[in-house]
């Protein structure tokens, strides 16, 4: 099974941001700490709000920056645009997934 989760970025509160950050793995927190612009930081946090606490705590990144779960038998991909965040999670590491979200310009 593959599950896609989408969220509007503007709807995330400061309290929710803090709760998400607290449950992130060390690797994920380190990666976010490198973001300097507040909006970029917020949009980078939002996809992680769509993961369960267990998924967030298991998150790591390849050298190229691709997210993966260290010990969960699942695959993950994250993306964000200016206004939306999304993740896709598969139930198997063998079912590699990818997602990209872009907003249509008028």
Protein backbone atom coordinates (compact mmCIF):
# COMPACT_ATOMS: atom_id res chain seq x y z
CA UNK A 1 0.00 0.00 0.00
CA UNK A 2 1.14 3.55 -0.75
CA UNK A 3 -0.25 6.48 1.21
CA UNK A 4 -0.11 10.14 0.11
CA UNK A 5 -0.55 12.85 2.76
CA UNK A 6 -1.00 16.57 1.90
CA UNK A 7 -1.27 19.64 4.14
CA UNK A 8 -1.62 23.37 3.61
CA UNK A 9 1.51 25.00 5.06
CA UNK A 10 -0.08 28.17 6.36
CA UNK A 11 -2.15 26.12 8.82
CA UNK A 12 0.70 24.99 11.06
CA UNK A 13 0.92 26.69 14.46
CA UNK A 14 4.12 27.56 16.37
CA UNK A 15 3.17 24.95 18.97
CA UNK A 16 2.77 22.28 16.28
CA UNK A 17 6.16 23.27 14.82
CA UNK A 18 7.82 22.76 18.20
CA UNK A 19 6.09 19.41 18.73
CA UNK A 20 7.25 18.22 15.30
CA UNK A 21 10.83 19.35 15.91
CA UNK A 22 10.94 17.57 19.28
CA UNK A 23 10.05 14.24 17.68
CA UNK A 24 12.46 14.46 14.74
CA UNK A 25 15.53 12.30 14.58
CA UNK A 26 18.87 14.03 15.24
CA UNK A 27 19.68 13.83 11.51
CA UNK A 28 16.43 15.56 10.59
CA UNK A 29 16.90 18.31 13.22
CA UNK A 30 20.45 18.94 12.01
CA UNK A 31 19.21 19.22 8.44
CA UNK A 32 16.51 21.72 9.41
CA UNK A 33 18.91 23.79 11.50
CA UNK A 34 20.84 24.59 8.32
CA UNK A 35 17.81 26.44 6.89
CA UNK A 36 18.14 30.18 7.49
CA UNK A 37 15.05 31.82 5.95
CA UNK A 38 11.96 31.51 8.23
CA UNK A 39 9.59 30.64 5.37
CA UNK A 40 12.01 28.03 4.02
CA UNK A 41 12.35 26.62 7.53
CA UNK A 42 8.57 26.45 7.97
CA UNK A 43 8.02 24.84 4.59
CA UNK A 44 10.78 22.33 5.39
CA UNK A 45 9.13 21.37 8.69
CA UNK A 46 5.62 20.93 7.29
CA UNK A 47 6.17 17.68 5.38
CA UNK A 48 7.41 16.10 8.61
CA UNK A 49 4.14 17.03 10.34
CA UNK A 50 2.50 14.52 8.01
CA UNK A 51 4.62 11.66 9.35
CA UNK A 52 3.77 9.77 12.50
CA UNK A 53 5.95 10.33 15.55
CA UNK A 54 7.49 6.89 15.01
CA UNK A 55 8.26 7.74 11.37
CA UNK A 56 9.80 11.12 12.32
CA UNK A 57 12.03 9.52 14.94
CA UNK A 58 13.28 6.98 12.39
CA UNK A 59 14.07 9.49 9.65
CA UNK A 60 17.54 9.90 8.20
CA UNK A 61 18.98 11.31 4.98
CA UNK A 62 21.33 10.11 2.27
CA UNK A 63 24.36 12.22 1.37
CA UNK A 64 22.32 13.74 -1.46
CA UNK A 65 19.56 14.71 1.00
CA UNK A 66 16.94 12.06 0.19
CA UNK A 67 14.96 11.01 3.26
CA UNK A 68 14.72 7.38 4.33
CA UNK A 69 13.66 5.38 7.37
CA UNK A 70 16.59 3.82 9.20
CA UNK A 71 14.86 0.71 10.52
CA UNK A 72 11.24 0.84 9.41
CA UNK A 73 10.24 -1.43 6.54
CA UNK A 74 8.86 1.51 4.56
CA UNK A 75 9.94 4.06 1.95
CA UNK A 76 9.31 7.80 2.13
CA UNK A 77 9.47 10.86 -0.10
CA UNK A 78 8.71 14.46 0.88
CA UNK A 79 8.04 17.63 -1.07
CA UNK A 80 6.80 21.15 -0.44
CA UNK A 81 5.82 24.23 -2.38
CA UNK A 82 5.16 27.70 -1.07
CA UNK A 83 1.70 26.76 0.23
CA UNK A 84 1.54 22.96 0.47
CA UNK A 85 3.52 20.06 1.91
CA UNK A 86 3.18 16.41 0.98
CA UNK A 87 4.68 13.03 1.79
CA UNK A 88 4.26 9.61 0.31
CA UNK A 89 4.95 6.51 2.41
CA UNK A 90 4.98 2.94 1.14
CA UNK A 91 4.63 -0.12 3.33
CA UNK A 92 7.83 -1.65 1.96
CA UNK A 93 11.42 -0.57 1.40
CA UNK A 94 11.20 -2.51 -1.86
CA UNK A 95 8.47 -0.18 -3.14
CA UNK A 96 10.58 2.95 -3.59
CA UNK A 97 8.43 6.07 -3.92
CA UNK A 98 8.86 9.66 -5.02
CA UNK A 99 6.63 12.73 -4.91
CA UNK A 100 6.90 16.31 -6.09
CA UNK A 101 4.37 19.08 -5.55
CA UNK A 102 4.26 22.31 -7.52
CA UNK A 103 1.68 25.04 -7.70
CA UNK A 104 0.22 26.03 -11.01
CA UNK A 105 1.10 29.61 -11.89
CA UNK A 106 -1.73 31.76 -13.23
